[in-house]
Amino acid sequence: MILLYTQNTSWGDMNLVDAERRLVATALLDLANARFALLSESCIPLLPFPAVYAFLTGSNASFVDSYVDGARHAPFFTQHNVSLAQWRKGSQWFEMDRAIAVVVVAEEQFMAVFRGNHGVANMEEHYLPTLVTLLGWGASNANRTLTYAKWRAGAWHPASYGGRAVTPELLEGMRRGNGECGYRSKDGGGAVEFCFMFARKFSGDALGKLLELAPKVMGFG
């Protein structure tokens, strides 16, 4: 299911998380939905839908990016039962199973803390990654995103790709990442072939080239 939803949001603000939670809540109303992926208008799929579906339904993990981010904001959050050891950062572009999605929509204790007046920027990159450790999801989360983005040193935004940048080599490199995913299917089979299912950020002028390459490079009919 693809959902379209409108809510006013601001870059780096917790209202982005509010919008994400409302999207997930709406998707949860359909009991057939088992996996929930957040994408933006600048994201593209790197594989056809059957391949993405097989990967997600064959995985026993959710994919919420979560990594240690130092002590910059420890004083405020330690007053609200968030320890430095639990503090995390990560990409907001998640893929999660239904059990975690239900908790994300229902959770209010820490959502209220992160919405608070704390003077911390980019909270949408901290709330969900930190919630992973607060609620002990370590065993069921891969601690990585399935959405590729190339970050430049010192930049606030990832690299953007226009039509001239789109090549078969670019898309293949995005799919395979570093080639060392190490994640296995539910039945104990071999490691997954691709590291990333989606990629960003692509500008509007990349559409023509992407459509040209889709059948032969990305497997779209």
C-alpha atoms as a PDB file:
ATOM      1  CA  MET A   1       0.000   0.000   0.000  1.00  0.00           C
ATOM      2  CA  ILE A   2       1.269   3.488  -0.898  1.00  0.00           C
ATOM      3  CA  LEU A   3      -0.164   6.278   1.261  1.00  0.00           C
ATOM      4  CA  LEU A   4      -0.342   9.972   0.441  1.00  0.00           C
ATOM      5  CA  TYR A   5      -0.734  12.237   3.451  1.00  0.00           C
ATOM      6  CA  THR A   6      -0.383  15.994   3.926  1.00  0.00           C
ATOM      7  CA  GLN A   7       0.909  17.671   7.093  1.00  0.00           C
ATOM      8  CA  ASN A   8       2.938  20.833   7.546  1.00  0.00           C
ATOM      9  CA  THR A   9       6.466  19.930   8.618  1.00  0.00           C
ATOM     10  CA  SER A  10       9.774  21.687   9.203  1.00  0.00           C
ATOM     11  CA  TRP A  11      13.277  20.440   8.469  1.00  0.00           C
ATOM     12  CA  GLY A  12      14.902  19.050  11.609  1.00  0.00           C
ATOM     13  CA  ASP A  13      11.698  19.275  13.671  1.00  0.00           C
ATOM     14  CA  MET A  14       9.812  16.603  15.607  1.00  0.00           C
ATOM     15  CA  ASN A  15       6.732  17.380  13.511  1.00  0.00           C
ATOM     16  CA  LEU A  16       8.400  15.151  10.905  1.00  0.00           C
ATOM     17  CA  VAL A  17       8.107  12.254  13.360  1.00  0.00           C
ATOM     18  CA  ASP A  18       4.461  13.190  14.006  1.00  0.00           C
ATOM     19  CA  ALA A  19       3.778  12.934  10.269  1.00  0.00           C
ATOM     20  CA  GLU A  20       5.628   9.613  10.010  1.00  0.00           C
ATOM     21  CA  ARG A  21       3.662   8.140  12.904  1.00  0.00           C
ATOM     22  CA  ARG A  22       0.356   9.202  11.361  1.00  0.00           C
ATOM     23  CA  LEU A  23       1.340   7.577   8.068  1.00  0.00           C
ATOM     24  CA  VAL A  24       2.237   4.337   9.849  1.00  0.00           C
ATOM     25  CA  ALA A  25      -0.965   4.463  11.918  1.00  0.00           C
ATOM     26  CA  THR A  26      -3.046   4.725   8.758  1.00  0.00           C
ATOM     27  CA  ALA A  27      -1.159   1.860   7.123  1.00  0.00           C
ATOM     28  CA  LEU A  28      -1.710  -0.309  10.209  1.00  0.00           C
ATOM     29  CA  LEU A  29      -5.476  -0.127   9.647  1.00  0.00           C
ATOM     30  CA  ASP A  30      -5.003  -2.596   6.788  1.00  0.00           C
ATOM     31  CA  LEU A  31      -4.319  -5.888   8.562  1.00  0.00           C
ATOM     32  CA  ALA A  32      -2.677  -7.279   5.423  1.00  0.00           C
ATOM     33  CA  ASN A  33       0.216  -4.807   5.746  1.00  0.00           C
ATOM     34  CA  ALA A  34       3.153  -6.571   7.355  1.00  0.00           C
ATOM     35  CA  ARG A  35       6.049  -4.226   6.501  1.00  0.00           C
ATOM     36  CA  PHE A  36       6.270  -0.437   6.603  1.00  0.00           C
ATOM     37  CA  ALA A  37       8.853   1.603   4.680  1.00  0.00           C
ATOM     38  CA  LEU A  38       9.261   5.380   4.754  1.00  0.00           C
ATOM     39  CA  LEU A  39      10.311   7.015   1.475  1.00  0.00           C
ATOM     40  CA  SER A  40      10.311  10.564   0.127  1.00  0.00           C
ATOM     41  CA  GLU A  41       9.698  12.108  -3.293  1.00  0.00           C
ATOM     42  CA  SER A  42      13.465  12.056  -3.922  1.00  0.00           C
ATOM     43  CA  CYS A  43      13.787   8.308  -3.235  1.00  0.00           C
ATOM     44  CA  ILE A  44      13.748   5.614  -5.918  1.00  0.00           C
ATOM     45  CA  PRO A  45      13.463   1.827  -5.740  1.00  0.00           C
ATOM     46  CA  LEU A  46      16.640   0.056  -6.812  1.00  0.00           C
ATOM     47  CA  LEU A  47      14.907  -3.263  -7.432  1.00  0.00           C
ATOM     48  CA  PRO A  48      11.487  -4.262  -8.796  1.00  0.00           C
ATOM     49  CA  PHE A  49       8.671  -4.733  -6.291  1.00  0.00           C
ATOM     50  CA  PRO A  50       8.739  -8.590  -6.268  1.00  0.00           C
ATOM     51  CA  ALA A  51      12.423  -8.535  -5.285  1.00  0.00           C
ATOM     52  CA  VAL A  52      11.870  -5.947  -2.529  1.00  0.00           C
ATOM     53  CA  TYR A  53       8.855  -7.880  -1.236  1.00  0.00           C
ATOM     54  CA  ALA A  54      10.796 -11.167  -1.178  1.00  0.00           C
ATOM     55  CA  PHE A  55      13.665  -9.551   0.695  1.00  0.00           C
ATOM     56  CA  LEU A  56      11.474  -7.936   3.340  1.00  0.00           C
ATOM     57  CA  THR A  57       9.206 -10.920   3.945  1.00  0.00           C
ATOM     58  CA  GLY A  58      12.268 -13.190   4.051  1.00  0.00           C
ATOM     59  CA  SER A  59      14.019 -11.108   6.701  1.00  0.00           C
ATOM     60  CA  ASN A  60      13.605 -11.596  10.427  1.00  0.00           C
ATOM     61  CA  ALA A  61      14.759  -8.041  11.173  1.00  0.00           C
ATOM     62  CA  SER A  62      13.471  -4.507  10.947  1.00  0.00           C
ATOM     63  CA  PHE A  63      15.772  -1.869   9.475  1.00  0.00           C
ATOM     64  CA  VAL A  64      15.956   1.195  11.708  1.00  0.00           C
ATOM     65  CA  ASP A  65      19.286   2.994  11.473  1.00  0.00           C
ATOM     66  CA  SER A  66      20.732   3.413  14.978  1.00  0.00           C
ATOM     67  CA  TYR A  67      24.279   4.254  16.003  1.00  0.00           C
ATOM     68  CA  VAL A  68      26.102   5.865  18.954  1.00  0.00           C
ATOM     69  CA  ASP A  69      26.254   9.663  18.719  1.00  0.00           C
ATOM     70  CA  GLY A  70      28.366  10.918  21.620  1.00  0.00           C
ATOM     71  CA  ALA A  71      27.350  13.024  24.613  1.00  0.00           C
ATOM     72  CA  ARG A  72      26.329  16.372  23.143  1.00  0.00           C
ATOM     73  CA  HIS A  73      22.778  16.265  24.506  1.00  0.00           C
ATOM     74  CA  ALA A  74      23.250  14.070  27.570  1.00  0.00           C
ATOM     75  CA  PRO A  75      22.445  16.657  30.302  1.00  0.00           C
ATOM     76  CA  PHE A  76      18.862  17.285  29.175  1.00  0.00           C
ATOM     77  CA  PHE A  77      17.906  13.723  28.380  1.00  0.00           C
ATOM     78  CA  THR A  78      19.441  12.078  31.434  1.00  0.00           C
ATOM     79  CA  GLN A  79      16.886  14.090  33.410  1.00  0.00           C
ATOM     80  CA  HIS A  80      14.161  12.242  31.509  1.00  0.00           C
ATOM     81  CA  ASN A  81      15.350   8.635  31.896  1.00  0.00           C
ATOM     82  CA  VAL A  82      17.372   8.530  28.672  1.00  0.00           C
ATOM     83  CA  SER A  83      20.948   7.526  29.500  1.00  0.00           C
ATOM     84  CA  LEU A  84      24.024   8.368  27.464  1.00  0.00           C
ATOM     85  CA  ALA A  85      24.425   4.661  26.696  1.00  0.00           C
ATOM     86  CA  GLN A  86      20.967   4.663  25.102  1.00  0.00           C
ATOM     87  CA  TRP A  87      21.363   7.874  23.070  1.00  0.00           C
ATOM     88  CA  ARG A  88      21.481   7.195  19.318  1.00  0.00           C
ATOM     89  CA  LYS A  89      21.278   8.854  15.918  1.00  0.00           C
ATOM     90  CA  GLY A  90      20.381   7.482  12.494  1.00  0.00           C
ATOM     91  CA  SER A  91      18.658   7.944   9.163  1.00  0.00           C
ATOM     92  CA  GLN A  92      14.937   8.625   9.385  1.00  0.00           C
ATOM     93  CA  TRP A  93      14.285   6.371   6.364  1.00  0.00           C
ATOM     94  CA  PHE A  94      13.164   3.171   8.069  1.00  0.00           C
ATOM     95  CA  GLU A  95      11.657  -0.203   7.216  1.00  0.00           C
ATOM     96  CA  MET A  96       9.949  -1.987  10.098  1.00  0.00           C
ATOM     97  CA  ASP A  97       7.760  -4.975  10.788  1.00  0.00           C
ATOM     98  CA  ARG A  98       4.233  -4.730  12.145  1.00  0.00           C
ATOM     99  CA  ALA A  99       5.116  -5.377  15.789  1.00  0.00           C
ATOM    100  CA  ILE A 100       7.565  -2.459  15.934  1.00  0.00           C
ATOM    101  CA  ALA A 101       5.235  -0.244  13.891  1.00  0.00           C
ATOM    102  CA  VAL A 102       2.477  -0.706  16.484  1.00  0.00           C
ATOM    103  CA  VAL A 103       4.828   0.350  19.289  1.00  0.00           C
ATOM    104  CA  VAL A 104       6.062   3.407  17.365  1.00  0.00           C
ATOM    105  CA  VAL A 105       2.499   4.629  16.849  1.00  0.00           C
ATOM    106  CA  ALA A 106       1.407   3.963  20.449  1.00  0.00           C
ATOM    107  CA  GLU A 107       4.525   5.173  22.318  1.00  0.00           C
ATOM    108  CA  GLU A 108       4.019   8.507  24.095  1.00  0.00           C
ATOM    109  CA  GLN A 109       6.369   8.610  27.096  1.00  0.00           C
ATOM    110  CA  PHE A 110       9.551   9.373  25.188  1.00  0.00           C
ATOM    111  CA  MET A 111       7.777  11.127  22.341  1.00  0.00           C
ATOM    112  CA  ALA A 112       6.739  13.790  24.865  1.00  0.00           C
ATOM    113  CA  VAL A 113      10.338  14.164  26.049  1.00  0.00           C
ATOM    114  CA  PHE A 114      11.746  14.528  22.547  1.00  0.00           C
ATOM    115  CA  ARG A 115       9.089  17.105  21.651  1.00  0.00           C
ATOM    116  CA  GLY A 116      10.104  19.165  24.680  1.00  0.00           C
ATOM    117  CA  ASN A 117      11.940  22.464  24.879  1.00  0.00           C
ATOM    118  CA  HIS A 118      15.508  21.163  24.815  1.00  0.00           C
ATOM    119  CA  GLY A 119      17.230  23.184  22.082  1.00  0.00           C
ATOM    120  CA  VAL A 120      18.452  20.089  20.231  1.00  0.00           C
ATOM    121  CA  ALA A 121      18.439  20.180  16.427  1.00  0.00           C
ATOM    122  CA  ASN A 122      17.491  17.362  14.060  1.00  0.00           C
ATOM    123  CA  MET A 123      15.468  15.466  16.618  1.00  0.00           C
ATOM    124  CA  GLU A 124      13.823  13.398  13.866  1.00  0.00           C
ATOM    125  CA  GLU A 125      17.218  11.714  13.467  1.00  0.00           C
ATOM    126  CA  HIS A 126      17.409  10.865  17.179  1.00  0.00           C
ATOM    127  CA  TYR A 127      13.965   9.815  18.379  1.00  0.00           C
ATOM    128  CA  LEU A 128      13.461   6.511  16.563  1.00  0.00           C
ATOM    129  CA  PRO A 129      17.135   5.404  16.706  1.00  0.00           C
ATOM    130  CA  THR A 130      17.170   6.078  20.461  1.00  0.00           C
ATOM    131  CA  LEU A 131      13.840   4.336  20.939  1.00  0.00           C
ATOM    132  CA  VAL A 132      15.502   1.195  19.533  1.00  0.00           C
ATOM    133  CA  THR A 133      17.753   1.042  22.585  1.00  0.00           C
ATOM    134  CA  LEU A 134      15.204   2.341  25.091  1.00  0.00           C
ATOM    135  CA  LEU A 135      12.772  -0.456  24.269  1.00  0.00           C
ATOM    136  CA  GLY A 136      15.375  -3.165  23.727  1.00  0.00           C
ATOM    137  CA  TRP A 137      14.803  -3.921  20.049  1.00  0.00           C
ATOM    138  CA  GLY A 138      18.432  -4.889  19.478  1.00  0.00           C
ATOM    139  CA  ALA A 139      17.691  -8.530  18.708  1.00  0.00           C
ATOM    140  CA  SER A 140      15.026  -7.687  16.127  1.00  0.00           C
ATOM    141  CA  ASN A 141      16.633  -4.658  14.456  1.00  0.00           C
ATOM    142  CA  ALA A 142      19.452  -4.616  11.907  1.00  0.00           C
ATOM    143  CA  ASN A 143      20.602  -1.133  13.029  1.00  0.00           C
ATOM    144  CA  ARG A 144      20.865   0.036   9.418  1.00  0.00           C
ATOM    145  CA  THR A 145      18.635   1.587   6.785  1.00  0.00           C
ATOM    146  CA  LEU A 146      17.704   0.020   3.448  1.00  0.00           C
ATOM    147  CA  THR A 147      17.825   3.440   1.764  1.00  0.00           C
ATOM    148  CA  TYR A 148      21.173   4.416   0.277  1.00  0.00           C
ATOM    149  CA  ALA A 149      22.437   7.988   0.654  1.00  0.00           C
ATOM    150  CA  LYS A 150      25.907   9.410   0.086  1.00  0.00           C
ATOM    151  CA  TRP A 151      26.913  11.806   2.844  1.00  0.00           C
ATOM    152  CA  ARG A 152      29.643  14.356   2.273  1.00  0.00           C
ATOM    153  CA  ALA A 153      31.978  15.388   5.077  1.00  0.00           C
ATOM    154  CA  GLY A 154      30.586  18.378   6.958  1.00  0.00           C
ATOM    155  CA  ALA A 155      27.419  18.591   4.819  1.00  0.00           C
ATOM    156  CA  TRP A 156      23.895  18.942   6.212  1.00  0.00           C
ATOM    157  CA  HIS A 157      22.331  17.075   3.294  1.00  0.00           C
ATOM    158  CA  PRO A 158      23.334  13.999   1.279  1.00  0.00           C
ATOM    159  CA  ALA A 159      24.524  14.226  -2.316  1.00  0.00           C
ATOM    160  CA  SER A 160      21.829  14.768  -4.942  1.00  0.00           C
ATOM    161  CA  TYR A 161      21.817  13.090  -8.363  1.00  0.00           C
ATOM    162  CA  GLY A 162      20.600  14.729 -11.555  1.00  0.00           C
ATOM    163  CA  GLY A 163      20.134  13.193 -14.984  1.00  0.00           C
ATOM    164  CA  ARG A 164      23.806  13.415 -15.979  1.00  0.00           C
ATOM    165  CA  ALA A 165      24.879  11.507 -12.868  1.00  0.00           C
ATOM    166  CA  VAL A 166      22.552   8.531 -13.419  1.00  0.00           C
ATOM    167  CA  THR A 167      24.440   5.580 -14.919  1.00  0.00           C
ATOM    168  CA  PRO A 168      24.177   1.787 -14.666  1.00  0.00           C
ATOM    169  CA  GLU A 169      27.342   1.809 -12.560  1.00  0.00           C
ATOM    170  CA  LEU A 170      25.862   4.311 -10.110  1.00  0.00           C
ATOM    171  CA  LEU A 171      22.702   2.271  -9.555  1.00  0.00           C
ATOM    172  CA  GLU A 172      24.587  -1.009  -9.263  1.00  0.00           C
ATOM    173  CA  GLY A 173      26.964   0.495  -6.718  1.00  0.00           C
ATOM    174  CA  MET A 174      24.036   1.798  -4.661  1.00  0.00           C
ATOM    175  CA  ARG A 175      22.366  -1.608  -4.602  1.00  0.00           C
ATOM    176  CA  ARG A 176      25.438  -3.471  -3.444  1.00  0.00           C
ATOM    177  CA  GLY A 177      26.755  -0.930  -0.947  1.00  0.00           C
ATOM    178  CA  ASN A 178      30.046  -2.140   0.445  1.00  0.00           C
ATOM    179  CA  GLY A 179      29.265  -5.732  -0.521  1.00  0.00           C
ATOM    180  CA  GLU A 180      29.332  -6.931   3.086  1.00  0.00           C
ATOM    181  CA  CYS A 181      25.756  -6.828   4.329  1.00  0.00           C
ATOM    182  CA  GLY A 182      25.936 -10.037   6.320  1.00  0.00           C
ATOM    183  CA  TYR A 183      22.153 -10.396   6.743  1.00  0.00           C
ATOM    184  CA  ARG A 184      20.497 -13.750   6.209  1.00  0.00           C
ATOM    185  CA  SER A 185      16.990 -14.942   5.416  1.00  0.00           C
ATOM    186  CA  LYS A 186      14.585 -16.555   7.893  1.00  0.00           C
ATOM    187  CA  ASP A 187      15.345 -20.033   6.607  1.00  0.00           C
ATOM    188  CA  GLY A 188      19.053 -19.653   7.333  1.00  0.00           C
ATOM    189  CA  GLY A 189      20.047 -19.289   3.683  1.00  0.00           C
ATOM    190  CA  GLY A 190      22.960 -17.315   2.304  1.00  0.00           C
ATOM    191  CA  ALA A 191      23.702 -13.656   2.831  1.00  0.00           C
ATOM    192  CA  VAL A 192      21.501 -11.244   0.921  1.00  0.00           C
ATOM    193  CA  GLU A 193      22.650 -10.251  -2.549  1.00  0.00           C
ATOM    194  CA  PHE A 194      21.858  -6.542  -2.232  1.00  0.00           C
ATOM    195  CA  CYS A 195      22.580  -4.111   0.597  1.00  0.00           C
ATOM    196  CA  PHE A 196      20.025  -1.436  -0.340  1.00  0.00           C
ATOM    197  CA  MET A 197      16.500  -1.597  -1.734  1.00  0.00           C
ATOM    198  CA  PHE A 198      16.038   2.171  -2.217  1.00  0.00           C
ATOM    199  CA  ALA A 199      18.231   5.230  -2.811  1.00  0.00           C
ATOM    200  CA  ARG A 200      18.175   9.028  -2.517  1.00  0.00           C
ATOM    201  CA  LYS A 201      18.373  11.907  -3.362  1.00  0.00           C
ATOM    202  CA  PHE A 202      17.349  12.156  -7.020  1.00  0.00           C
ATOM    203  CA  SER A 203      16.288  15.465  -8.550  1.00  0.00           C
ATOM    204  CA  GLY A 204      13.400  15.850 -10.980  1.00  0.00           C
ATOM    205  CA  ASP A 205      15.648  16.032 -14.041  1.00  0.00           C
ATOM    206  CA  ALA A 206      16.885  12.489 -13.324  1.00  0.00           C
ATOM    207  CA  LEU A 207      13.492  10.989 -14.187  1.00  0.00           C
ATOM    208  CA  GLY A 208      14.108  10.600 -17.922  1.00  0.00           C
ATOM    209  CA  LYS A 209      17.394   8.753 -17.436  1.00  0.00           C
ATOM    210  CA  LEU A 210      15.945   6.570 -14.688  1.00  0.00           C
ATOM    211  CA  LEU A 211      13.045   5.540 -16.942  1.00  0.00           C
ATOM    212  CA  GLU A 212      15.503   4.756 -19.715  1.00  0.00           C
ATOM    213  CA  LEU A 213      17.606   2.515 -17.488  1.00  0.00           C
ATOM    214  CA  ALA A 214      14.769   0.932 -15.506  1.00  0.00           C
ATOM    215  CA  PRO A 215      14.077  -2.089 -17.786  1.00  0.00           C
ATOM    216  CA  LYS A 216      17.656  -3.204 -18.353  1.00  0.00           C
ATOM    217  CA  VAL A 217      19.396  -2.117 -15.148  1.00  0.00           C
ATOM    218  CA  MET A 218      16.747  -2.082 -12.420  1.00  0.00           C
ATOM    219  CA  GLY A 219      14.619  -4.975 -13.660  1.00  0.00           C
ATOM    220  CA  PHE A 220      11.378  -3.067 -14.212  1.00  0.00           C
ATOM    221  CA  GLY A 221       9.118  -4.290 -16.982  1.00  0.00           C
END
